Amino acid sequence: MTRTEIFDQVADIIADHFEVERDQINEQLNFKQDLDADSIDFVEFVLELEDTFGSEISDEDAEKLNTIGEVVDYIVAHQAEQK
């Protein structure tokens, strides 16, 4: 899966989960500052990512993910490790 395909899937999840217009989502979007996500919102989002991409995201790693770009980079890196 390419980085663009991963971004598109992550953006679709965010649009649905956080009720944000799809065209407003970019890699710099911050979960806490821009989406006003609380810890429960973020945990639910991470669980949805795990289901979508078939990999586990540790709590320690999840805490380091602040922007959409960081999430995409994380998935790309861990997708490569699974091969």
C-alpha atoms as a PDB file:
ATOM      1  CA  MET A   1       0.000   0.000   0.000  1.00  0.00           C
ATOM      2  CA  THR A   2       1.414   3.406  -0.919  1.00  0.00           C
ATOM      3  CA  ARG A   3       1.760   6.327   1.474  1.00  0.00           C
ATOM      4  CA  THR A   4      -0.985   8.166  -0.437  1.00  0.00           C
ATOM      5  CA  GLU A   5      -3.362   5.209  -0.121  1.00  0.00           C
ATOM      6  CA  ILE A   6      -2.646   5.010   3.603  1.00  0.00           C
ATOM      7  CA  PHE A   7      -3.225   8.754   4.015  1.00  0.00           C
ATOM      8  CA  ASP A   8      -6.535   8.479   2.156  1.00  0.00           C
ATOM      9  CA  GLN A   9      -7.728   5.653   4.411  1.00  0.00           C
ATOM     10  CA  VAL A  10      -6.615   7.463   7.568  1.00  0.00           C
ATOM     11  CA  ALA A  11      -8.311  10.658   6.361  1.00  0.00           C
ATOM     12  CA  ASP A  12     -11.549   8.756   5.712  1.00  0.00           C
ATOM     13  CA  ILE A  13     -11.451   7.332   9.243  1.00  0.00           C
ATOM     14  CA  ILE A  14     -10.829  10.791  10.701  1.00  0.00           C
ATOM     15  CA  ALA A  15     -13.617  12.369   8.643  1.00  0.00           C
ATOM     16  CA  ASP A  16     -16.034   9.741   9.909  1.00  0.00           C
ATOM     17  CA  HIS A  17     -14.812   9.479  13.505  1.00  0.00           C
ATOM     18  CA  PHE A  18     -14.289  13.176  14.228  1.00  0.00           C
ATOM     19  CA  GLU A  19     -17.009  14.513  11.898  1.00  0.00           C
ATOM     20  CA  VAL A  20     -14.605  16.673   9.905  1.00  0.00           C
ATOM     21  CA  GLU A  21     -15.000  17.571   6.247  1.00  0.00           C
ATOM     22  CA  ARG A  22     -12.709  15.296   4.218  1.00  0.00           C
ATOM     23  CA  ASP A  23     -11.219  18.217   2.263  1.00  0.00           C
ATOM     24  CA  GLN A  24     -10.088  19.894   5.518  1.00  0.00           C
ATOM     25  CA  ILE A  25      -7.842  16.982   6.484  1.00  0.00           C
ATOM     26  CA  ASN A  26      -4.121  17.358   5.882  1.00  0.00           C
ATOM     27  CA  GLU A  27      -0.954  15.883   7.355  1.00  0.00           C
ATOM     28  CA  GLN A  28      -0.408  18.793   9.756  1.00  0.00           C
ATOM     29  CA  LEU A  29      -3.803  18.358  11.430  1.00  0.00           C
ATOM     30  CA  ASN A  30      -3.256  17.856  15.164  1.00  0.00           C
ATOM     31  CA  PHE A  31      -5.587  15.557  17.086  1.00  0.00           C
ATOM     32  CA  LYS A  32      -5.726  17.561  20.294  1.00  0.00           C
ATOM     33  CA  GLN A  33      -5.418  21.106  18.956  1.00  0.00           C
ATOM     34  CA  ASP A  34      -7.321  20.898  15.667  1.00  0.00           C
ATOM     35  CA  LEU A  35      -9.758  18.052  16.287  1.00  0.00           C
ATOM     36  CA  ASP A  36     -10.231  18.651  20.019  1.00  0.00           C
ATOM     37  CA  ALA A  37      -9.844  14.898  20.572  1.00  0.00           C
ATOM     38  CA  ASP A  38      -9.935  13.682  24.147  1.00  0.00           C
ATOM     39  CA  SER A  39      -8.222  10.485  25.274  1.00  0.00           C
ATOM     40  CA  ILE A  40     -11.294   8.322  24.659  1.00  0.00           C
ATOM     41  CA  ASP A  41     -11.723   9.684  21.128  1.00  0.00           C
ATOM     42  CA  PHE A  42      -8.078   8.990  20.405  1.00  0.00           C
ATOM     43  CA  VAL A  43      -8.166   5.431  21.809  1.00  0.00           C
ATOM     44  CA  GLU A  44     -11.224   4.653  19.661  1.00  0.00           C
ATOM     45  CA  PHE A  45      -9.417   6.111  16.641  1.00  0.00           C
ATOM     46  CA  VAL A  46      -6.322   3.973  17.315  1.00  0.00           C
ATOM     47  CA  LEU A  47      -8.493   0.843  17.627  1.00  0.00           C
ATOM     48  CA  GLU A  48     -10.090   1.659  14.294  1.00  0.00           C
ATOM     49  CA  LEU A  49      -6.633   2.104  12.737  1.00  0.00           C
ATOM     50  CA  GLU A  50      -5.581  -1.278  14.105  1.00  0.00           C
ATOM     51  CA  ASP A  51      -8.650  -2.930  12.583  1.00  0.00           C
ATOM     52  CA  THR A  52      -8.202  -1.181   9.243  1.00  0.00           C
ATOM     53  CA  PHE A  53      -4.490  -1.822   8.819  1.00  0.00           C
ATOM     54  CA  GLY A  54      -4.229  -5.143  10.662  1.00  0.00           C
ATOM     55  CA  SER A  55      -1.458  -4.153  13.023  1.00  0.00           C
ATOM     56  CA  GLU A  56      -1.228  -3.327  16.690  1.00  0.00           C
ATOM     57  CA  ILE A  57      -0.203   0.125  17.907  1.00  0.00           C
ATOM     58  CA  SER A  58       1.286   0.046  21.392  1.00  0.00           C
ATOM     59  CA  ASP A  59       0.096   2.559  23.974  1.00  0.00           C
ATOM     60  CA  GLU A  60       3.602   4.039  24.111  1.00  0.00           C
ATOM     61  CA  ASP A  61       3.666   4.532  20.338  1.00  0.00           C
ATOM     62  CA  ALA A  62       0.117   5.909  20.254  1.00  0.00           C
ATOM     63  CA  GLU A  63       1.045   8.593  22.794  1.00  0.00           C
ATOM     64  CA  LYS A  64       3.693   9.912  20.362  1.00  0.00           C
ATOM     65  CA  LEU A  65       1.227  10.335  17.478  1.00  0.00           C
ATOM     66  CA  ASN A  66       0.047  13.936  17.407  1.00  0.00           C
ATOM     67  CA  THR A  67      -0.625  14.680  13.746  1.00  0.00           C
ATOM     68  CA  ILE A  68      -2.122  12.880  10.783  1.00  0.00           C
ATOM     69  CA  GLY A  69       1.303  12.822   9.111  1.00  0.00           C
ATOM     70  CA  GLU A  70       2.825  11.071  12.136  1.00  0.00           C
ATOM     71  CA  VAL A  71       0.085   8.430  12.001  1.00  0.00           C
ATOM     72  CA  VAL A  72       0.669   7.838   8.285  1.00  0.00           C
ATOM     73  CA  ASP A  73       4.452   7.631   8.793  1.00  0.00           C
ATOM     74  CA  TYR A  74       3.942   5.149  11.637  1.00  0.00           C
ATOM     75  CA  ILE A  75       1.691   2.909   9.539  1.00  0.00           C
ATOM     76  CA  VAL A  76       4.066   3.052   6.563  1.00  0.00           C
ATOM     77  CA  ALA A  77       7.040   2.113   8.762  1.00  0.00           C
ATOM     78  CA  HIS A  78       5.235  -0.737  10.488  1.00  0.00           C
ATOM     79  CA  GLN A  79       3.732  -2.022   7.261  1.00  0.00           C
ATOM     80  CA  ALA A  80       7.292  -2.438   5.954  1.00  0.00           C
ATOM     81  CA  GLU A  81       8.254  -4.369   9.113  1.00  0.00           C
ATOM     82  CA  GLN A  82       5.407  -6.864   8.597  1.00  0.00           C
ATOM     83  CA  LYS A  83       6.615  -7.908   5.148  1.00  0.00           C
END
